[in-house]
PDB file of N, CA and C in Angstrom:
ATOM      1  N   UNK A   1       2.971   5.632 -71.180  1.00  0.00           N
ATOM      2  CA  UNK A   1       2.523   4.607 -70.291  1.00  0.00           C
ATOM      3  C   UNK A   1       1.128   4.958 -69.812  1.00  0.00           C
ATOM      4  N   UNK A   2       0.184   4.695 -70.648  1.00  0.00           N
ATOM      5  CA  UNK A   2      -1.175   5.084 -70.346  1.00  0.00           C
ATOM      6  C   UNK A   2      -2.008   3.928 -69.824  1.00  0.00           C
ATOM      7  N   UNK A   3      -1.687   2.729 -70.195  1.00  0.00           N
ATOM      8  CA  UNK A   3      -2.489   1.581 -69.822  1.00  0.00           C
ATOM      9  C   UNK A   3      -2.084   1.064 -68.441  1.00  0.00           C
ATOM     10  N   UNK A   4      -3.092   0.779 -67.615  1.00  0.00           N
ATOM     11  CA  UNK A   4      -2.844   0.277 -66.268  1.00  0.00           C
ATOM     12  C   UNK A   4      -3.410  -1.132 -66.150  1.00  0.00           C
ATOM     13  N   UNK A   5      -2.618  -2.044 -65.595  1.00  0.00           N
ATOM     14  CA  UNK A   5      -3.062  -3.419 -65.439  1.00  0.00           C
ATOM     15  C   UNK A   5      -2.291  -4.078 -64.302  1.00  0.00           C
ATOM     16  N   UNK A   6      -2.724  -5.268 -63.919  1.00  0.00           N
ATOM     17  CA  UNK A   6      -2.042  -5.965 -62.829  1.00  0.00           C
ATOM     18  C   UNK A   6      -1.617  -7.372 -63.201  1.00  0.00           C
ATOM     19  N   UNK A   7      -2.051  -7.886 -64.364  1.00  0.00           N
ATOM     20  CA  UNK A   7      -1.672  -9.239 -64.755  1.00  0.00           C
ATOM     21  C   UNK A   7      -1.642  -9.353 -66.275  1.00  0.00           C
ATOM     22  N   UNK A   8      -0.919 -10.364 -66.754  1.00  0.00           N
ATOM     23  CA  UNK A   8      -0.843 -10.611 -68.184  1.00  0.00           C
ATOM     24  C   UNK A   8       0.583 -10.915 -68.598  1.00  0.00           C
ATOM     25  N   UNK A   9       0.772 -11.377 -69.827  1.00  0.00           N
ATOM     26  CA  UNK A   9       2.113 -11.753 -70.278  1.00  0.00           C
ATOM     27  C   UNK A   9       3.052 -10.564 -70.468  1.00  0.00           C
ATOM     28  N   UNK A  10       2.504  -9.369 -70.697  1.00  0.00           N
ATOM     29  CA  UNK A  10       3.348  -8.201 -70.924  1.00  0.00           C
ATOM     30  C   UNK A  10       3.438  -7.294 -69.709  1.00  0.00           C
ATOM     31  N   UNK A  11       3.119  -7.836 -68.534  1.00  0.00           N
ATOM     32  CA  UNK A  11       3.206  -7.078 -67.291  1.00  0.00           C
ATOM     33  C   UNK A  11       4.251  -7.744 -66.397  1.00  0.00           C
ATOM     34  N   UNK A  12       5.180  -6.971 -65.840  1.00  0.00           N
ATOM     35  CA  UNK A  12       6.206  -7.559 -64.964  1.00  0.00           C
ATOM     36  C   UNK A  12       5.596  -8.227 -63.737  1.00  0.00           C
ATOM     37  N   UNK A  13       6.329  -9.141 -63.112  1.00  0.00           N
ATOM     38  CA  UNK A  13       5.812  -9.819 -61.926  1.00  0.00           C
ATOM     39  C   UNK A  13       5.651  -8.859 -60.751  1.00  0.00           C
ATOM     40  N   UNK A  14       4.829  -9.259 -59.786  1.00  0.00           N
ATOM     41  CA  UNK A  14       4.577  -8.456 -58.597  1.00  0.00           C
ATOM     42  C   UNK A  14       5.831  -8.287 -57.743  1.00  0.00           C
ATOM     43  N   UNK A  15       6.692  -9.300 -57.716  1.00  0.00           N
ATOM     44  CA  UNK A  15       7.884  -9.285 -56.859  1.00  0.00           C
ATOM     45  C   UNK A  15       9.042  -9.882 -57.644  1.00  0.00           C
ATOM     46  N   UNK A  16      10.146  -9.149 -57.735  1.00  0.00           N
ATOM     47  CA  UNK A  16      11.327  -9.663 -58.436  1.00  0.00           C
ATOM     48  C   UNK A  16      12.583  -9.067 -57.814  1.00  0.00           C
ATOM     49  N   UNK A  17      13.669  -9.833 -57.869  1.00  0.00           N
ATOM     50  CA  UNK A  17      14.954  -9.402 -57.312  1.00  0.00           C
ATOM     51  C   UNK A  17      16.047  -9.642 -58.343  1.00  0.00           C
ATOM     52  N   UNK A  18      17.134  -8.844 -58.265  1.00  0.00           N
ATOM     53  CA  UNK A  18      18.236  -9.026 -59.206  1.00  0.00           C
ATOM     54  C   UNK A  18      19.316  -9.949 -58.665  1.00  0.00           C
ATOM     55  N   UNK A  19      19.229 -10.329 -57.390  1.00  0.00           N
ATOM     56  CA  UNK A  19      20.205 -11.235 -56.781  1.00  0.00           C
ATOM     57  C   UNK A  19      19.881 -12.675 -57.193  1.00  0.00           C
ATOM     58  N   UNK A  20      20.819 -13.381 -57.847  1.00  0.00           N
ATOM     59  CA  UNK A  20      20.546 -14.757 -58.297  1.00  0.00           C
ATOM     60  C   UNK A  20      20.248 -15.737 -57.174  1.00  0.00           C
ATOM     61  N   UNK A  21      20.640 -15.429 -55.947  1.00  0.00           N
ATOM     62  CA  UNK A  21      20.362 -16.327 -54.825  1.00  0.00           C
ATOM     63  C   UNK A  21      18.965 -16.139 -54.236  1.00  0.00           C
ATOM     64  N   UNK A  22      18.259 -15.136 -54.685  1.00  0.00           N
ATOM     65  CA  UNK A  22      16.916 -14.861 -54.172  1.00  0.00           C
ATOM     66  C   UNK A  22      15.901 -15.802 -54.813  1.00  0.00           C
ATOM     67  N   UNK A  23      14.888 -16.226 -54.060  1.00  0.00           N
ATOM     68  CA  UNK A  23      13.827 -17.050 -54.667  1.00  0.00           C
ATOM     69  C   UNK A  23      12.973 -16.251 -55.656  1.00  0.00           C
ATOM     70  N   UNK A  24      13.088 -14.931 -55.663  1.00  0.00           N
ATOM     71  CA  UNK A  24      12.311 -14.077 -56.561  1.00  0.00           C
ATOM     72  C   UNK A  24      13.103 -13.658 -57.797  1.00  0.00           C
ATOM     73  N   UNK A  25      14.259 -14.266 -58.027  1.00  0.00           N
ATOM     74  CA  UNK A  25      15.096 -13.980 -59.194  1.00  0.00           C
ATOM     75  C   UNK A  25      14.532 -14.694 -60.418  1.00  0.00           C
ATOM     76  N   UNK A  26      14.434 -13.986 -61.544  1.00  0.00           N
ATOM     77  CA  UNK A  26      13.984 -14.579 -62.810  1.00  0.00           C
ATOM     78  C   UNK A  26      14.765 -13.909 -63.943  1.00  0.00           C
ATOM     79  N   UNK A  27      15.829 -14.575 -64.392  1.00  0.00           N
ATOM     80  CA  UNK A  27      16.733 -14.002 -65.395  1.00  0.00           C
ATOM     81  C   UNK A  27      16.018 -13.667 -66.698  1.00  0.00           C
ATOM     82  N   UNK A  28      15.097 -14.516 -67.114  1.00  0.00           N
ATOM     83  CA  UNK A  28      14.390 -14.304 -68.376  1.00  0.00           C
ATOM     84  C   UNK A  28      13.600 -12.988 -68.353  1.00  0.00           C
ATOM     85  N   UNK A  29      12.912 -12.730 -67.265  1.00  0.00           N
ATOM     86  CA  UNK A  29      12.130 -11.499 -67.151  1.00  0.00           C
ATOM     87  C   UNK A  29      13.023 -10.279 -66.969  1.00  0.00           C
ATOM     88  N   UNK A  30      14.127 -10.437 -66.257  1.00  0.00           N
ATOM     89  CA  UNK A  30      15.041  -9.317 -66.052  1.00  0.00           C
ATOM     90  C   UNK A  30      15.738  -8.919 -67.343  1.00  0.00           C
ATOM     91  N   UNK A  31      16.007  -9.872 -68.238  1.00  0.00           N
ATOM     92  CA  UNK A  31      16.673  -9.559 -69.496  1.00  0.00           C
ATOM     93  C   UNK A  31      15.821  -8.678 -70.396  1.00  0.00           C
ATOM     94  N   UNK A  32      14.509  -8.731 -70.243  1.00  0.00           N
ATOM     95  CA  UNK A  32      13.633  -7.862 -71.036  1.00  0.00           C
ATOM     96  C   UNK A  32      13.789  -6.407 -70.631  1.00  0.00           C
ATOM     97  N   UNK A  33      14.247  -6.174 -69.419  1.00  0.00           N
ATOM     98  CA  UNK A  33      14.391  -4.815 -68.905  1.00  0.00           C
ATOM     99  C   UNK A  33      13.111  -4.358 -68.238  1.00  0.00           C
ATOM    100  N   UNK A  34      13.174  -4.116 -66.955  1.00  0.00           N
ATOM    101  CA  UNK A  34      11.998  -3.682 -66.205  1.00  0.00           C
ATOM    102  C   UNK A  34      12.231  -2.252 -65.737  1.00  0.00           C
ATOM    103  N   UNK A  35      11.323  -1.378 -66.115  1.00  0.00           N
ATOM    104  CA  UNK A  35      11.369   0.003 -65.643  1.00  0.00           C
ATOM    105  C   UNK A  35      10.612   0.107 -64.336  1.00  0.00           C
ATOM    106  N   UNK A  36      11.129   0.895 -63.400  1.00  0.00           N
ATOM    107  CA  UNK A  36      10.505   1.050 -62.087  1.00  0.00           C
ATOM    108  C   UNK A  36      10.272   2.533 -61.817  1.00  0.00           C
ATOM    109  N   UNK A  37       9.066   2.844 -61.390  1.00  0.00           N
ATOM    110  CA  UNK A  37       8.757   4.189 -60.913  1.00  0.00           C
ATOM    111  C   UNK A  37       8.395   4.041 -59.441  1.00  0.00           C
ATOM    112  N   UNK A  38       9.147   4.734 -58.572  1.00  0.00           N
ATOM    113  CA  UNK A  38       8.910   4.686 -57.128  1.00  0.00           C
ATOM    114  C   UNK A  38       8.615   6.095 -56.636  1.00  0.00           C
ATOM    115  N   UNK A  39       7.458   6.270 -56.039  1.00  0.00           N
ATOM    116  CA  UNK A  39       6.998   7.578 -55.559  1.00  0.00           C
ATOM    117  C   UNK A  39       7.037   8.624 -56.670  1.00  0.00           C
ATOM    118  N   UNK A  40       6.647   8.203 -57.890  1.00  0.00           N
ATOM    119  CA  UNK A  40       6.560   9.130 -59.007  1.00  0.00           C
ATOM    120  C   UNK A  40       7.857   9.405 -59.746  1.00  0.00           C
ATOM    121  N   UNK A  41       8.981   8.802 -59.314  1.00  0.00           N
ATOM    122  CA  UNK A  41      10.283   9.022 -59.941  1.00  0.00           C
ATOM    123  C   UNK A  41      10.803   7.720 -60.537  1.00  0.00           C
ATOM    124  N   UNK A  42      11.263   7.767 -61.774  1.00  0.00           N
ATOM    125  CA  UNK A  42      11.850   6.579 -62.405  1.00  0.00           C
ATOM    126  C   UNK A  42      13.196   6.310 -61.739  1.00  0.00           C
ATOM    127  N   UNK A  43      13.381   5.081 -61.258  1.00  0.00           N
ATOM    128  CA  UNK A  43      14.606   4.711 -60.540  1.00  0.00           C
ATOM    129  C   UNK A  43      15.340   3.614 -61.310  1.00  0.00           C
ATOM    130  N   UNK A  44      16.676   3.660 -61.281  1.00  0.00           N
ATOM    131  CA  UNK A  44      17.486   2.649 -61.961  1.00  0.00           C
ATOM    132  C   UNK A  44      18.351   1.859 -60.982  1.00  0.00           C
ATOM    133  N   UNK A  45      18.259   2.151 -59.691  1.00  0.00           N
ATOM    134  CA  UNK A  45      19.120   1.498 -58.702  1.00  0.00           C
ATOM    135  C   UNK A  45      18.356   0.533 -57.793  1.00  0.00           C
ATOM    136  N   UNK A  46      17.273  -0.040 -58.269  1.00  0.00           N
ATOM    137  CA  UNK A  46      16.442  -0.937 -57.462  1.00  0.00           C
ATOM    138  C   UNK A  46      17.043  -2.343 -57.471  1.00  0.00           C
ATOM    139  N   UNK A  47      17.228  -2.919 -56.287  1.00  0.00           N
ATOM    140  CA  UNK A  47      17.738  -4.289 -56.146  1.00  0.00           C
ATOM    141  C   UNK A  47      16.583  -5.300 -56.135  1.00  0.00           C
ATOM    142  N   UNK A  48      15.438  -4.901 -55.564  1.00  0.00           N
ATOM    143  CA  UNK A  48      14.283  -5.783 -55.424  1.00  0.00           C
ATOM    144  C   UNK A  48      13.058  -4.895 -55.225  1.00  0.00           C
ATOM    145  N   UNK A  49      11.891  -5.382 -55.684  1.00  0.00           N
ATOM    146  CA  UNK A  49      10.666  -4.626 -55.447  1.00  0.00           C
ATOM    147  C   UNK A  49       9.494  -5.558 -55.233  1.00  0.00           C
ATOM    148  N   UNK A  50       8.443  -5.033 -54.601  1.00  0.00           N
ATOM    149  CA  UNK A  50       7.174  -5.739 -54.458  1.00  0.00           C
ATOM    150  C   UNK A  50       6.075  -4.704 -54.653  1.00  0.00           C
ATOM    151  N   UNK A  51       5.307  -4.859 -55.713  1.00  0.00           N
ATOM    152  CA  UNK A  51       4.273  -3.891 -56.043  1.00  0.00           C
ATOM    153  C   UNK A  51       3.117  -3.964 -55.055  1.00  0.00           C
ATOM    154  N   UNK A  52       2.620  -5.168 -54.757  1.00  0.00           N
ATOM    155  CA  UNK A  52       1.445  -5.307 -53.896  1.00  0.00           C
ATOM    156  C   UNK A  52       1.698  -4.846 -52.466  1.00  0.00           C
ATOM    157  N   UNK A  53       2.932  -5.011 -51.967  1.00  0.00           N
ATOM    158  CA  UNK A  53       3.246  -4.583 -50.611  1.00  0.00           C
ATOM    159  C   UNK A  53       3.767  -3.148 -50.566  1.00  0.00           C
ATOM    160  N   UNK A  54       4.101  -2.565 -51.720  1.00  0.00           N
ATOM    161  CA  UNK A  54       4.514  -1.169 -51.807  1.00  0.00           C
ATOM    162  C   UNK A  54       5.885  -0.873 -51.226  1.00  0.00           C
ATOM    163  N   UNK A  55       6.914  -1.605 -51.666  1.00  0.00           N
ATOM    164  CA  UNK A  55       8.282  -1.333 -51.203  1.00  0.00           C
ATOM    165  C   UNK A  55       9.305  -1.676 -52.268  1.00  0.00           C
ATOM    166  N   UNK A  56      10.487  -1.069 -52.127  1.00  0.00           N
ATOM    167  CA  UNK A  56      11.645  -1.381 -52.960  1.00  0.00           C
ATOM    168  C   UNK A  56      12.859  -1.516 -52.050  1.00  0.00           C
ATOM    169  N   UNK A  57      13.862  -2.249 -52.506  1.00  0.00           N
ATOM    170  CA  UNK A  57      15.145  -2.335 -51.806  1.00  0.00           C
ATOM    171  C   UNK A  57      16.193  -1.681 -52.693  1.00  0.00           C
ATOM    172  N   UNK A  58      16.989  -0.799 -52.076  1.00  0.00           N
ATOM    173  CA  UNK A  58      18.077  -0.136 -52.785  1.00  0.00           C
ATOM    174  C   UNK A  58      19.362  -0.327 -51.993  1.00  0.00           C
ATOM    175  N   UNK A  59      20.474  -0.261 -52.695  1.00  0.00           N
ATOM    176  CA  UNK A  59      21.772  -0.429 -52.046  1.00  0.00           C
ATOM    177  C   UNK A  59      22.037   0.750 -51.124  1.00  0.00           C
ATOM    178  N   UNK A  60      22.570   0.451 -49.929  1.00  0.00           N
ATOM    179  CA  UNK A  60      22.881   1.478 -48.924  1.00  0.00           C
ATOM    180  C   UNK A  60      24.337   1.890 -49.075  1.00  0.00           C
ATOM    181  N   UNK A  61      24.603   2.792 -49.997  1.00  0.00           N
ATOM    182  CA  UNK A  61      25.971   3.256 -50.227  1.00  0.00           C
ATOM    183  C   UNK A  61      26.857   2.154 -50.775  1.00  0.00           C
ATOM    184  N   UNK A  62      28.108   2.128 -50.318  1.00  0.00           N
ATOM    185  CA  UNK A  62      29.061   1.110 -50.780  1.00  0.00           C
ATOM    186  C   UNK A  62      29.282   0.018 -49.748  1.00  0.00           C
ATOM    187  N   UNK A  63      28.487   0.001 -48.703  1.00  0.00           N
ATOM    188  CA  UNK A  63      28.644  -0.980 -47.627  1.00  0.00           C
ATOM    189  C   UNK A  63      28.339  -2.392 -48.105  1.00  0.00           C
ATOM    190  N   UNK A  64      29.123  -3.346 -47.608  1.00  0.00           N
ATOM    191  CA  UNK A  64      28.934  -4.758 -47.937  1.00  0.00           C
ATOM    192  C   UNK A  64      28.724  -5.550 -46.661  1.00  0.00           C
ATOM    193  N   UNK A  65      27.983  -6.649 -46.765  1.00  0.00           N
ATOM    194  CA  UNK A  65      27.839  -7.526 -45.613  1.00  0.00           C
ATOM    195  C   UNK A  65      29.032  -8.478 -45.543  1.00  0.00           C
ATOM    196  N   UNK A  66      29.030  -9.387 -44.593  1.00  0.00           N
ATOM    197  CA  UNK A  66      30.186 -10.271 -44.409  1.00  0.00           C
ATOM    198  C   UNK A  66      30.376 -11.278 -45.537  1.00  0.00           C
ATOM    199  N   UNK A  67      29.363 -11.419 -46.395  1.00  0.00           N
ATOM    200  CA  UNK A  67      29.471 -12.333 -47.542  1.00  0.00           C
ATOM    201  C   UNK A  67      29.833 -11.592 -48.822  1.00  0.00           C
ATOM    202  N   UNK A  68      30.041 -10.289 -48.736  1.00  0.00           N
ATOM    203  CA  UNK A  68      30.411  -9.496 -49.898  1.00  0.00           C
ATOM    204  C   UNK A  68      29.239  -8.964 -50.697  1.00  0.00           C
ATOM    205  N   UNK A  69      28.026  -9.138 -50.196  1.00  0.00           N
ATOM    206  CA  UNK A  69      26.839  -8.627 -50.875  1.00  0.00           C
ATOM    207  C   UNK A  69      26.559  -7.196 -50.413  1.00  0.00           C
ATOM    208  N   UNK A  70      25.994  -6.364 -51.277  1.00  0.00           N
ATOM    209  CA  UNK A  70      25.688  -4.997 -50.855  1.00  0.00           C
ATOM    210  C   UNK A  70      24.598  -4.980 -49.783  1.00  0.00           C
ATOM    211  N   UNK A  71      24.753  -4.085 -48.804  1.00  0.00           N
ATOM    212  CA  UNK A  71      23.704  -3.886 -47.819  1.00  0.00           C
ATOM    213  C   UNK A  71      22.584  -3.103 -48.486  1.00  0.00           C
ATOM    214  N   UNK A  72      21.354  -3.467 -48.186  1.00  0.00           N
ATOM    215  CA  UNK A  72      20.209  -2.794 -48.788  1.00  0.00           C
ATOM    216  C   UNK A  72      19.297  -2.240 -47.704  1.00  0.00           C
ATOM    217  N   UNK A  73      18.528  -1.239 -48.094  1.00  0.00           N
ATOM    218  CA  UNK A  73      17.503  -0.701 -47.211  1.00  0.00           C
ATOM    219  C   UNK A  73      16.164  -0.781 -47.937  1.00  0.00           C
ATOM    220  N   UNK A  74      15.104  -0.970 -47.162  1.00  0.00           N
ATOM    221  CA  UNK A  74      13.758  -1.068 -47.717  1.00  0.00           C
ATOM    222  C   UNK A  74      13.079   0.290 -47.604  1.00  0.00           C
ATOM    223  N   UNK A  75      12.588   0.772 -48.731  1.00  0.00           N
ATOM    224  CA  UNK A  75      11.854   2.032 -48.781  1.00  0.00           C
ATOM    225  C   UNK A  75      10.403   1.718 -49.123  1.00  0.00           C
ATOM    226  N   UNK A  76       9.460   2.345 -48.424  1.00  0.00           N
ATOM    227  CA  UNK A  76       8.044   2.082 -48.658  1.00  0.00           C
ATOM    228  C   UNK A  76       7.402   3.226 -49.412  1.00  0.00           C
ATOM    229  N   UNK A  77       6.513   2.865 -50.328  1.00  0.00           N
ATOM    230  CA  UNK A  77       5.792   3.846 -51.120  1.00  0.00           C
ATOM    231  C   UNK A  77       5.185   3.189 -52.340  1.00  0.00           C
ATOM    232  N   UNK A  78       4.472   3.948 -53.175  1.00  0.00           N
ATOM    233  CA  UNK A  78       3.857   3.379 -54.374  1.00  0.00           C
ATOM    234  C   UNK A  78       4.908   2.967 -55.415  1.00  0.00           C
ATOM    235  N   UNK A  79       4.734   1.749 -55.953  1.00  0.00           N
ATOM    236  CA  UNK A  79       5.672   1.187 -56.933  1.00  0.00           C
ATOM    237  C   UNK A  79       4.911   0.860 -58.215  1.00  0.00           C
ATOM    238  N   UNK A  80       5.485   1.224 -59.355  1.00  0.00           N
ATOM    239  CA  UNK A  80       4.941   0.877 -60.660  1.00  0.00           C
ATOM    240  C   UNK A  80       6.051   0.225 -61.474  1.00  0.00           C
ATOM    241  N   UNK A  81       5.708  -0.777 -62.288  1.00  0.00           N
ATOM    242  CA  UNK A  81       6.708  -1.481 -63.095  1.00  0.00           C
ATOM    243  C   UNK A  81       6.170  -1.737 -64.495  1.00  0.00           C
ATOM    244  N   UNK A  82       7.071  -1.760 -65.477  1.00  0.00           N
ATOM    245  CA  UNK A  82       6.713  -2.055 -66.859  1.00  0.00           C
ATOM    246  C   UNK A  82       7.935  -2.641 -67.561  1.00  0.00           C
ATOM    247  N   UNK A  83       7.678  -3.354 -68.656  1.00  0.00           N
ATOM    248  CA  UNK A  83       8.776  -3.888 -69.469  1.00  0.00           C
ATOM    249  C   UNK A  83       9.250  -2.791 -70.413  1.00  0.00           C
ATOM    250  N   UNK A  84      10.529  -2.481 -70.377  1.00  0.00           N
ATOM    251  CA  UNK A  84      11.078  -1.411 -71.204  1.00  0.00           C
ATOM    252  C   UNK A  84      11.129  -1.774 -72.682  1.00  0.00           C
ATOM    253  N   UNK A  85      11.169  -3.067 -73.008  1.00  0.00           N
ATOM    254  CA  UNK A  85      11.254  -3.459 -74.419  1.00  0.00           C
ATOM    255  C   UNK A  85       9.944  -3.244 -75.179  1.00  0.00           C
ATOM    256  N   UNK A  86       8.865  -2.873 -74.479  1.00  0.00           N
ATOM    257  CA  UNK A  86       7.586  -2.641 -75.139  1.00  0.00           C
ATOM    258  C   UNK A  86       7.382  -1.179 -75.532  1.00  0.00           C
ATOM    259  N   UNK A  87       8.299  -0.319 -75.167  1.00  0.00           N
ATOM    260  CA  UNK A  87       8.213   1.092 -75.554  1.00  0.00           C
ATOM    261  C   UNK A  87       7.407   1.931 -74.587  1.00  0.00           C
ATOM    262  N   UNK A  88       6.996   3.115 -75.075  1.00  0.00           N
ATOM    263  CA  UNK A  88       6.317   4.092 -74.231  1.00  0.00           C
ATOM    264  C   UNK A  88       4.875   3.724 -73.887  1.00  0.00           C
ATOM    265  N   UNK A  89       4.255   2.879 -74.649  1.00  0.00           N
ATOM    266  CA  UNK A  89       2.856   2.507 -74.409  1.00  0.00           C
ATOM    267  C   UNK A  89       2.731   1.153 -73.714  1.00  0.00           C
ATOM    268  N   UNK A  90       3.751   0.744 -72.970  1.00  0.00           N
ATOM    269  CA  UNK A  90       3.735  -0.548 -72.282  1.00  0.00           C
ATOM    270  C   UNK A  90       2.724  -0.533 -71.146  1.00  0.00           C
ATOM    271  N   UNK A  91       2.047  -1.679 -70.892  1.00  0.00           N
ATOM    272  CA  UNK A  91       1.134  -1.751 -69.754  1.00  0.00           C
ATOM    273  C   UNK A  91       1.923  -1.645 -68.449  1.00  0.00           C
ATOM    274  N   UNK A  92       1.387  -0.882 -67.492  1.00  0.00           N
ATOM    275  CA  UNK A  92       2.055  -0.624 -66.228  1.00  0.00           C
ATOM    276  C   UNK A  92       1.386  -1.447 -65.135  1.00  0.00           C
ATOM    277  N   UNK A  93       2.212  -2.133 -64.326  1.00  0.00           N
ATOM    278  CA  UNK A  93       1.700  -2.878 -63.178  1.00  0.00           C
ATOM    279  C   UNK A  93       1.787  -1.984 -61.959  1.00  0.00           C
ATOM    280  N   UNK A  94       0.664  -1.794 -61.286  1.00  0.00           N
ATOM    281  CA  UNK A  94       0.655  -1.000 -60.056  1.00  0.00           C
ATOM    282  C   UNK A  94      -0.442  -1.534 -59.149  1.00  0.00           C
ATOM    283  N   UNK A  95      -0.299  -1.239 -57.876  1.00  0.00           N
ATOM    284  CA  UNK A  95      -1.273  -1.743 -56.886  1.00  0.00           C
ATOM    285  C   UNK A  95      -2.477  -0.843 -56.811  1.00  0.00           C
TER     286      UNK A  95
END
């Protein structure tokens, strides 16, 4: 992942969520597989992220809200995203 960019067809969106009820949900982009690096560590448990604002949401244990959705917490720090289907040389979106 050597190339750095912020826009283009092969760069993930700035803000995306995996919850279908979210306005930032996009099934087509999620199916490609988005890799996330948060604070220098590749993470696989991200529920939602925003690159420009520098935060991710992760599930807070096994706790659920009254509607049966997982409770999430917002963590702040540098976020990088890329499409996993493009391989190791995929363009990386970062702020």
